[in-house]
């Protein structure tokens, strides 16, 4: 059985070691998927000495079985649906639309809470490392990739501490590179591979983004002669 991560911060530090080739590069940006992906992404960005930001994505859960993803929505009006899950669960088009509308409202709330009035960074020509705390079905990551492709990054890297090997392989057709630190089998669920998988709060996300921004400002401050 694969070793478990202590928590998301530990997972981020371990994941960063797999991404060492991107360290100290001015063309690299780390984007975390809130909420749980942000503590992981914070450690990755800190270890690599590159900027951190967030990309807002919301899972579309099957009504009555919300843990099962039938798709996801992301910033920029992107929606990705899984027709097999929708058909298998017997979800009506009206129900899909209702869940989509509710999650888009939550997306807007978090957009304001996490970013305030800060514009989304210009990604054109950058290498973007997209980080989550783990991949199961990968629905939210697919929506994130679809949203980011509209921003024309030079390269898009998907990175996660833990995921099923099959899911990682599927993303190799969607991203320029995929880094999965651990691919245990059987997989079951992301949370099983963490000793502490407590929910990340909005306040923690904001705090980590503020700390990352302040840290970059200090590091970039010119040294007096």
C-alpha atoms as a PDB file:
ATOM      1  CA  UNK A   1       0.000   0.000   0.000  1.00  0.00           C
ATOM      2  CA  UNK A   2       1.367   3.456  -0.963  1.00  0.00           C
ATOM      3  CA  UNK A   3       2.385   5.814   1.829  1.00  0.00           C
ATOM      4  CA  UNK A   4      -0.131   8.525   2.706  1.00  0.00           C
ATOM      5  CA  UNK A   5       0.605  12.250   2.761  1.00  0.00           C
ATOM      6  CA  UNK A   6       0.441  13.931   6.171  1.00  0.00           C
ATOM      7  CA  UNK A   7      -1.698  16.768   4.788  1.00  0.00           C
ATOM      8  CA  UNK A   8      -2.024  18.960   1.701  1.00  0.00           C
ATOM      9  CA  UNK A   9       1.049  21.014   2.569  1.00  0.00           C
ATOM     10  CA  UNK A  10       3.155  17.850   2.787  1.00  0.00           C
ATOM     11  CA  UNK A  11       1.667  16.682  -0.520  1.00  0.00           C
ATOM     12  CA  UNK A  12       2.610  19.995  -2.134  1.00  0.00           C
ATOM     13  CA  UNK A  13       6.207  19.790  -0.995  1.00  0.00           C
ATOM     14  CA  UNK A  14       6.514  16.251  -2.313  1.00  0.00           C
ATOM     15  CA  UNK A  15       4.821  17.161  -5.594  1.00  0.00           C
ATOM     16  CA  UNK A  16       7.231  20.085  -6.030  1.00  0.00           C
ATOM     17  CA  UNK A  17      10.169  17.678  -6.136  1.00  0.00           C
ATOM     18  CA  UNK A  18       8.634  16.148  -9.286  1.00  0.00           C
ATOM     19  CA  UNK A  19       8.418  19.609 -10.840  1.00  0.00           C
ATOM     20  CA  UNK A  20      11.937  20.827 -10.026  1.00  0.00           C
ATOM     21  CA  UNK A  21      12.701  21.473 -13.694  1.00  0.00           C
ATOM     22  CA  UNK A  22      10.272  24.416 -13.617  1.00  0.00           C
ATOM     23  CA  UNK A  23      11.929  26.181 -10.656  1.00  0.00           C
ATOM     24  CA  UNK A  24      13.114  29.809 -10.818  1.00  0.00           C
ATOM     25  CA  UNK A  25      11.695  30.334 -14.305  1.00  0.00           C
ATOM     26  CA  UNK A  26      10.117  33.727 -15.111  1.00  0.00           C
ATOM     27  CA  UNK A  27       7.694  32.125 -17.586  1.00  0.00           C
ATOM     28  CA  UNK A  28       6.094  29.733 -15.061  1.00  0.00           C
ATOM     29  CA  UNK A  29       2.873  30.285 -13.080  1.00  0.00           C
ATOM     30  CA  UNK A  30       1.195  27.864 -10.641  1.00  0.00           C
ATOM     31  CA  UNK A  31      -2.611  27.832 -10.546  1.00  0.00           C
ATOM     32  CA  UNK A  32      -4.403  26.040  -7.694  1.00  0.00           C
ATOM     33  CA  UNK A  33      -7.943  24.689  -7.919  1.00  0.00           C
ATOM     34  CA  UNK A  34      -9.882  25.917  -4.853  1.00  0.00           C
ATOM     35  CA  UNK A  35     -10.369  24.954  -2.318  1.00  0.00           C
ATOM     36  CA  UNK A  36      -8.298  21.864  -1.617  1.00  0.00           C
ATOM     37  CA  UNK A  37      -5.815  22.379  -4.414  1.00  0.00           C
ATOM     38  CA  UNK A  38      -4.641  25.758  -3.111  1.00  0.00           C
ATOM     39  CA  UNK A  39      -2.616  24.539  -0.074  1.00  0.00           C
ATOM     40  CA  UNK A  40      -0.910  22.028  -2.384  1.00  0.00           C
ATOM     41  CA  UNK A  41      -0.278  24.689  -5.039  1.00  0.00           C
ATOM     42  CA  UNK A  42       1.041  27.133  -2.420  1.00  0.00           C
ATOM     43  CA  UNK A  43       3.803  24.734  -1.441  1.00  0.00           C
ATOM     44  CA  UNK A  44       4.588  23.930  -5.078  1.00  0.00           C
ATOM     45  CA  UNK A  45       4.884  27.636  -5.947  1.00  0.00           C
ATOM     46  CA  UNK A  46       6.987  28.339  -2.872  1.00  0.00           C
ATOM     47  CA  UNK A  47       9.392  25.467  -3.524  1.00  0.00           C
ATOM     48  CA  UNK A  48       9.721  26.378  -7.223  1.00  0.00           C
ATOM     49  CA  UNK A  49      10.003  30.117  -6.470  1.00  0.00           C
ATOM     50  CA  UNK A  50       7.261  31.067  -8.970  1.00  0.00           C
ATOM     51  CA  UNK A  51       3.979  33.026  -8.648  1.00  0.00           C
ATOM     52  CA  UNK A  52       0.718  31.506  -7.394  1.00  0.00           C
ATOM     53  CA  UNK A  53      -2.868  32.231  -8.412  1.00  0.00           C
ATOM     54  CA  UNK A  54      -6.189  30.381  -8.536  1.00  0.00           C
ATOM     55  CA  UNK A  55      -8.548  29.121 -11.230  1.00  0.00           C
ATOM     56  CA  UNK A  56     -12.166  28.809 -10.145  1.00  0.00           C
ATOM     57  CA  UNK A  57     -13.827  25.490 -10.993  1.00  0.00           C
ATOM     58  CA  UNK A  58     -16.962  23.876  -9.549  1.00  0.00           C
ATOM     59  CA  UNK A  59     -18.028  20.244  -9.826  1.00  0.00           C
ATOM     60  CA  UNK A  60     -21.559  19.515 -11.034  1.00  0.00           C
ATOM     61  CA  UNK A  61     -22.814  16.809  -8.707  1.00  0.00           C
ATOM     62  CA  UNK A  62     -25.592  14.368  -9.556  1.00  0.00           C
ATOM     63  CA  UNK A  63     -28.716  15.452  -7.611  1.00  0.00           C
ATOM     64  CA  UNK A  64     -29.042  13.274  -4.526  1.00  0.00           C
ATOM     65  CA  UNK A  65     -25.525  11.893  -5.066  1.00  0.00           C
ATOM     66  CA  UNK A  66     -23.543  15.121  -5.131  1.00  0.00           C
ATOM     67  CA  UNK A  67     -20.203  13.375  -4.629  1.00  0.00           C
ATOM     68  CA  UNK A  68     -20.618  11.863  -8.125  1.00  0.00           C
ATOM     69  CA  UNK A  69     -19.492  14.345 -10.786  1.00  0.00           C
ATOM     70  CA  UNK A  70     -21.577  14.647 -13.929  1.00  0.00           C
ATOM     71  CA  UNK A  71     -19.464  17.586 -15.108  1.00  0.00           C
ATOM     72  CA  UNK A  72     -17.964  20.869 -14.011  1.00  0.00           C
ATOM     73  CA  UNK A  73     -18.030  24.613 -14.695  1.00  0.00           C
ATOM     74  CA  UNK A  74     -15.069  26.988 -14.745  1.00  0.00           C
ATOM     75  CA  UNK A  75     -14.319  30.676 -15.086  1.00  0.00           C
ATOM     76  CA  UNK A  76     -15.009  32.087 -18.536  1.00  0.00           C
ATOM     77  CA  UNK A  77     -18.376  30.361 -18.978  1.00  0.00           C
ATOM     78  CA  UNK A  78     -16.832  26.932 -19.562  1.00  0.00           C
ATOM     79  CA  UNK A  79     -18.958  23.842 -18.883  1.00  0.00           C
ATOM     80  CA  UNK A  80     -17.848  20.236 -19.346  1.00  0.00           C
ATOM     81  CA  UNK A  81     -20.444  17.437 -19.065  1.00  0.00           C
ATOM     82  CA  UNK A  82     -20.052  13.665 -18.744  1.00  0.00           C
ATOM     83  CA  UNK A  83     -22.921  12.235 -20.825  1.00  0.00           C
ATOM     84  CA  UNK A  84     -22.292   8.681 -19.581  1.00  0.00           C
ATOM     85  CA  UNK A  85     -22.763   9.694 -15.934  1.00  0.00           C
ATOM     86  CA  UNK A  86     -25.810  11.823 -16.786  1.00  0.00           C
ATOM     87  CA  UNK A  87     -27.446   8.981 -18.706  1.00  0.00           C
ATOM     88  CA  UNK A  88     -26.524   6.342 -16.136  1.00  0.00           C
ATOM     89  CA  UNK A  89     -27.950   8.399 -13.276  1.00  0.00           C
ATOM     90  CA  UNK A  90     -31.042   9.385 -15.256  1.00  0.00           C
ATOM     91  CA  UNK A  91     -30.519  13.121 -14.774  1.00  0.00           C
ATOM     92  CA  UNK A  92     -32.898  15.252 -16.838  1.00  0.00           C
ATOM     93  CA  UNK A  93     -31.712  18.233 -18.919  1.00  0.00           C
ATOM     94  CA  UNK A  94     -33.704  20.502 -16.588  1.00  0.00           C
ATOM     95  CA  UNK A  95     -31.876  19.117 -13.557  1.00  0.00           C
ATOM     96  CA  UNK A  96     -28.501  19.567 -15.281  1.00  0.00           C
ATOM     97  CA  UNK A  97     -29.382  23.202 -15.982  1.00  0.00           C
ATOM     98  CA  UNK A  98     -30.516  23.791 -12.393  1.00  0.00           C
ATOM     99  CA  UNK A  99     -27.295  22.375 -10.941  1.00  0.00           C
ATOM    100  CA  UNK A 100     -25.257  24.373 -13.459  1.00  0.00           C
ATOM    101  CA  UNK A 101     -26.999  27.627 -12.493  1.00  0.00           C
ATOM    102  CA  UNK A 102     -26.443  27.012  -8.773  1.00  0.00           C
ATOM    103  CA  UNK A 103     -22.776  26.185  -9.200  1.00  0.00           C
ATOM    104  CA  UNK A 104     -22.173  29.210 -11.417  1.00  0.00           C
ATOM    105  CA  UNK A 105     -23.570  31.415  -8.647  1.00  0.00           C
ATOM    106  CA  UNK A 106     -21.163  29.803  -6.189  1.00  0.00           C
ATOM    107  CA  UNK A 107     -18.349  30.280  -8.713  1.00  0.00           C
ATOM    108  CA  UNK A 108     -19.083  34.016  -8.859  1.00  0.00           C
ATOM    109  CA  UNK A 109     -19.196  34.246  -5.044  1.00  0.00           C
ATOM    110  CA  UNK A 110     -15.800  32.610  -4.712  1.00  0.00           C
ATOM    111  CA  UNK A 111     -14.386  34.668  -7.558  1.00  0.00           C
ATOM    112  CA  UNK A 112     -15.151  37.833  -5.603  1.00  0.00           C
ATOM    113  CA  UNK A 113     -14.037  36.393  -2.264  1.00  0.00           C
ATOM    114  CA  UNK A 114     -10.695  35.038  -3.466  1.00  0.00           C
ATOM    115  CA  UNK A 115      -9.714  37.586  -6.088  1.00  0.00           C
ATOM    116  CA  UNK A 116     -11.560  40.762  -5.004  1.00  0.00           C
ATOM    117  CA  UNK A 117     -11.043  43.033  -8.012  1.00  0.00           C
ATOM    118  CA  UNK A 118      -7.711  41.587  -9.149  1.00  0.00           C
ATOM    119  CA  UNK A 119      -7.765  40.709 -12.846  1.00  0.00           C
ATOM    120  CA  UNK A 120      -6.947  37.188 -13.941  1.00  0.00           C
ATOM    121  CA  UNK A 121      -3.290  37.020 -15.057  1.00  0.00           C
ATOM    122  CA  UNK A 122      -2.396  37.103 -18.741  1.00  0.00           C
ATOM    123  CA  UNK A 123      -1.359  33.517 -19.518  1.00  0.00           C
ATOM    124  CA  UNK A 124      -0.324  33.950 -23.134  1.00  0.00           C
ATOM    125  CA  UNK A 125       3.185  32.555 -23.614  1.00  0.00           C
ATOM    126  CA  UNK A 126       3.431  31.189 -20.057  1.00  0.00           C
ATOM    127  CA  UNK A 127       3.964  27.657 -18.799  1.00  0.00           C
ATOM    128  CA  UNK A 128       1.046  27.052 -16.424  1.00  0.00           C
ATOM    129  CA  UNK A 129       1.168  24.325 -13.777  1.00  0.00           C
ATOM    130  CA  UNK A 130      -2.413  23.458 -12.814  1.00  0.00           C
ATOM    131  CA  UNK A 131      -2.531  21.858  -9.356  1.00  0.00           C
ATOM    132  CA  UNK A 132      -5.232  19.991  -7.429  1.00  0.00           C
ATOM    133  CA  UNK A 133      -5.001  17.887  -4.260  1.00  0.00           C
ATOM    134  CA  UNK A 134      -5.828  14.742  -6.240  1.00  0.00           C
ATOM    135  CA  UNK A 135      -7.658  13.445  -9.274  1.00  0.00           C
ATOM    136  CA  UNK A 136     -10.478  10.910  -9.161  1.00  0.00           C
ATOM    137  CA  UNK A 137     -12.728  11.142 -12.222  1.00  0.00           C
ATOM    138  CA  UNK A 138     -10.959  14.343 -13.257  1.00  0.00           C
ATOM    139  CA  UNK A 139     -14.145  16.256 -14.139  1.00  0.00           C
ATOM    140  CA  UNK A 140     -13.060  19.525 -12.524  1.00  0.00           C
ATOM    141  CA  UNK A 141      -9.588  19.309 -14.056  1.00  0.00           C
ATOM    142  CA  UNK A 142     -11.085  18.820 -17.528  1.00  0.00           C
ATOM    143  CA  UNK A 143     -13.154  21.984 -17.101  1.00  0.00           C
ATOM    144  CA  UNK A 144     -10.067  23.817 -15.861  1.00  0.00           C
ATOM    145  CA  UNK A 145      -8.072  22.744 -18.923  1.00  0.00           C
ATOM    146  CA  UNK A 146     -10.878  23.818 -21.256  1.00  0.00           C
ATOM    147  CA  UNK A 147     -10.981  27.241 -19.572  1.00  0.00           C
ATOM    148  CA  UNK A 148      -7.210  27.697 -19.686  1.00  0.00           C
ATOM    149  CA  UNK A 149      -6.894  26.759 -23.356  1.00  0.00           C
ATOM    150  CA  UNK A 150      -8.908  29.899 -24.111  1.00  0.00           C
ATOM    151  CA  UNK A 151      -6.101  31.932 -22.514  1.00  0.00           C
ATOM    152  CA  UNK A 152      -3.423  30.539 -24.884  1.00  0.00           C
ATOM    153  CA  UNK A 153      -0.644  29.450 -22.496  1.00  0.00           C
ATOM    154  CA  UNK A 154       2.525  28.174 -24.151  1.00  0.00           C
ATOM    155  CA  UNK A 155       2.387  24.937 -22.142  1.00  0.00           C
ATOM    156  CA  UNK A 156      -0.142  23.478 -19.721  1.00  0.00           C
ATOM    157  CA  UNK A 157       1.021  21.056 -17.023  1.00  0.00           C
ATOM    158  CA  UNK A 158      -1.445  19.046 -14.911  1.00  0.00           C
ATOM    159  CA  UNK A 159      -0.005  18.144 -11.501  1.00  0.00           C
ATOM    160  CA  UNK A 160      -1.506  16.217  -8.587  1.00  0.00           C
ATOM    161  CA  UNK A 161      -0.065  14.380  -5.579  1.00  0.00           C
ATOM    162  CA  UNK A 162      -2.269  11.316  -6.112  1.00  0.00           C
ATOM    163  CA  UNK A 163      -4.535   9.886  -8.815  1.00  0.00           C
ATOM    164  CA  UNK A 164      -5.485   6.619 -10.501  1.00  0.00           C
ATOM    165  CA  UNK A 165      -2.994   5.744 -13.224  1.00  0.00           C
ATOM    166  CA  UNK A 166      -5.797   5.542 -15.804  1.00  0.00           C
ATOM    167  CA  UNK A 167      -6.935   9.094 -15.011  1.00  0.00           C
ATOM    168  CA  UNK A 168      -3.375  10.406 -15.345  1.00  0.00           C
ATOM    169  CA  UNK A 169      -3.051   8.666 -18.707  1.00  0.00           C
ATOM    170  CA  UNK A 170      -6.300  10.215 -19.952  1.00  0.00           C
ATOM    171  CA  UNK A 171      -4.976  13.709 -19.245  1.00  0.00           C
ATOM    172  CA  UNK A 172      -1.892  13.126 -21.383  1.00  0.00           C
ATOM    173  CA  UNK A 173      -4.138  13.729 -24.391  1.00  0.00           C
ATOM    174  CA  UNK A 174      -5.384  17.039 -22.953  1.00  0.00           C
ATOM    175  CA  UNK A 175      -2.296  18.620 -21.373  1.00  0.00           C
ATOM    176  CA  UNK A 176       1.286  19.108 -22.520  1.00  0.00           C
ATOM    177  CA  UNK A 177       2.556  17.173 -19.511  1.00  0.00           C
ATOM    178  CA  UNK A 178       1.008  15.311 -16.577  1.00  0.00           C
ATOM    179  CA  UNK A 179       2.729  14.805 -13.217  1.00  0.00           C
ATOM    180  CA  UNK A 180       1.108  12.414 -10.733  1.00  0.00           C
ATOM    181  CA  UNK A 181       3.378  11.830  -7.730  1.00  0.00           C
ATOM    182  CA  UNK A 182       1.542   8.656  -6.654  1.00  0.00           C
ATOM    183  CA  UNK A 183      -0.776   6.331  -8.589  1.00  0.00           C
ATOM    184  CA  UNK A 184      -1.879   3.719  -6.032  1.00  0.00           C
ATOM    185  CA  UNK A 185      -4.068   0.775  -7.010  1.00  0.00           C
ATOM    186  CA  UNK A 186      -6.746   0.218  -5.937  1.00  0.00           C
ATOM    187  CA  UNK A 187      -7.415   3.949  -5.653  1.00  0.00           C
ATOM    188  CA  UNK A 188     -10.949   4.351  -4.174  1.00  0.00           C
ATOM    189  CA  UNK A 189     -10.838   8.079  -3.230  1.00  0.00           C
ATOM    190  CA  UNK A 190      -8.431  11.011  -2.924  1.00  0.00           C
ATOM    191  CA  UNK A 191      -9.021  11.497   0.798  1.00  0.00           C
ATOM    192  CA  UNK A 192      -7.841   7.997   1.669  1.00  0.00           C
ATOM    193  CA  UNK A 193      -4.279   8.982   0.728  1.00  0.00           C
ATOM    194  CA  UNK A 194      -4.091  11.781   3.285  1.00  0.00           C
ATOM    195  CA  UNK A 195      -3.771  11.417   7.051  1.00  0.00           C
ATOM    196  CA  UNK A 196      -5.401  14.853   7.392  1.00  0.00           C
ATOM    197  CA  UNK A 197      -7.910  15.685   4.638  1.00  0.00           C
ATOM    198  CA  UNK A 198      -9.890  18.337   6.509  1.00  0.00           C
ATOM    199  CA  UNK A 199     -11.880  20.725   4.340  1.00  0.00           C
ATOM    200  CA  UNK A 200     -10.022  23.846   3.253  1.00  0.00           C
ATOM    201  CA  UNK A 201     -11.872  27.049   4.166  1.00  0.00           C
ATOM    202  CA  UNK A 202     -12.368  30.215   2.128  1.00  0.00           C
ATOM    203  CA  UNK A 203     -10.300  32.042   4.737  1.00  0.00           C
ATOM    204  CA  UNK A 204      -7.375  29.656   4.288  1.00  0.00           C
ATOM    205  CA  UNK A 205      -7.480  30.116   0.516  1.00  0.00           C
ATOM    206  CA  UNK A 206      -7.419  33.912   0.871  1.00  0.00           C
ATOM    207  CA  UNK A 207      -4.644  33.749   3.458  1.00  0.00           C
ATOM    208  CA  UNK A 208      -2.426  31.557   1.286  1.00  0.00           C
ATOM    209  CA  UNK A 209      -2.942  33.769  -1.775  1.00  0.00           C
ATOM    210  CA  UNK A 210      -2.083  36.866   0.279  1.00  0.00           C
ATOM    211  CA  UNK A 211       1.003  35.237   1.756  1.00  0.00           C
ATOM    212  CA  UNK A 212       2.181  34.100  -1.679  1.00  0.00           C
ATOM    213  CA  UNK A 213       1.709  37.583  -3.128  1.00  0.00           C
ATOM    214  CA  UNK A 214       3.533  39.239  -0.231  1.00  0.00           C
ATOM    215  CA  UNK A 215       6.342  36.724  -0.466  1.00  0.00           C
ATOM    216  CA  UNK A 216       6.832  37.460  -4.158  1.00  0.00           C
ATOM    217  CA  UNK A 217       6.781  41.206  -3.493  1.00  0.00           C
ATOM    218  CA  UNK A 218       9.511  40.875  -0.854  1.00  0.00           C
ATOM    219  CA  UNK A 219      11.657  38.661  -3.092  1.00  0.00           C
ATOM    220  CA  UNK A 220      11.350  41.059  -6.041  1.00  0.00           C
ATOM    221  CA  UNK A 221      12.117  44.195  -4.013  1.00  0.00           C
ATOM    222  CA  UNK A 222      15.366  45.805  -5.224  1.00  0.00           C
ATOM    223  CA  UNK A 223      18.301  45.637  -2.849  1.00  0.00           C
ATOM    224  CA  UNK A 224      19.668  49.042  -1.814  1.00  0.00           C
ATOM    225  CA  UNK A 225      23.279  49.632  -2.937  1.00  0.00           C
END
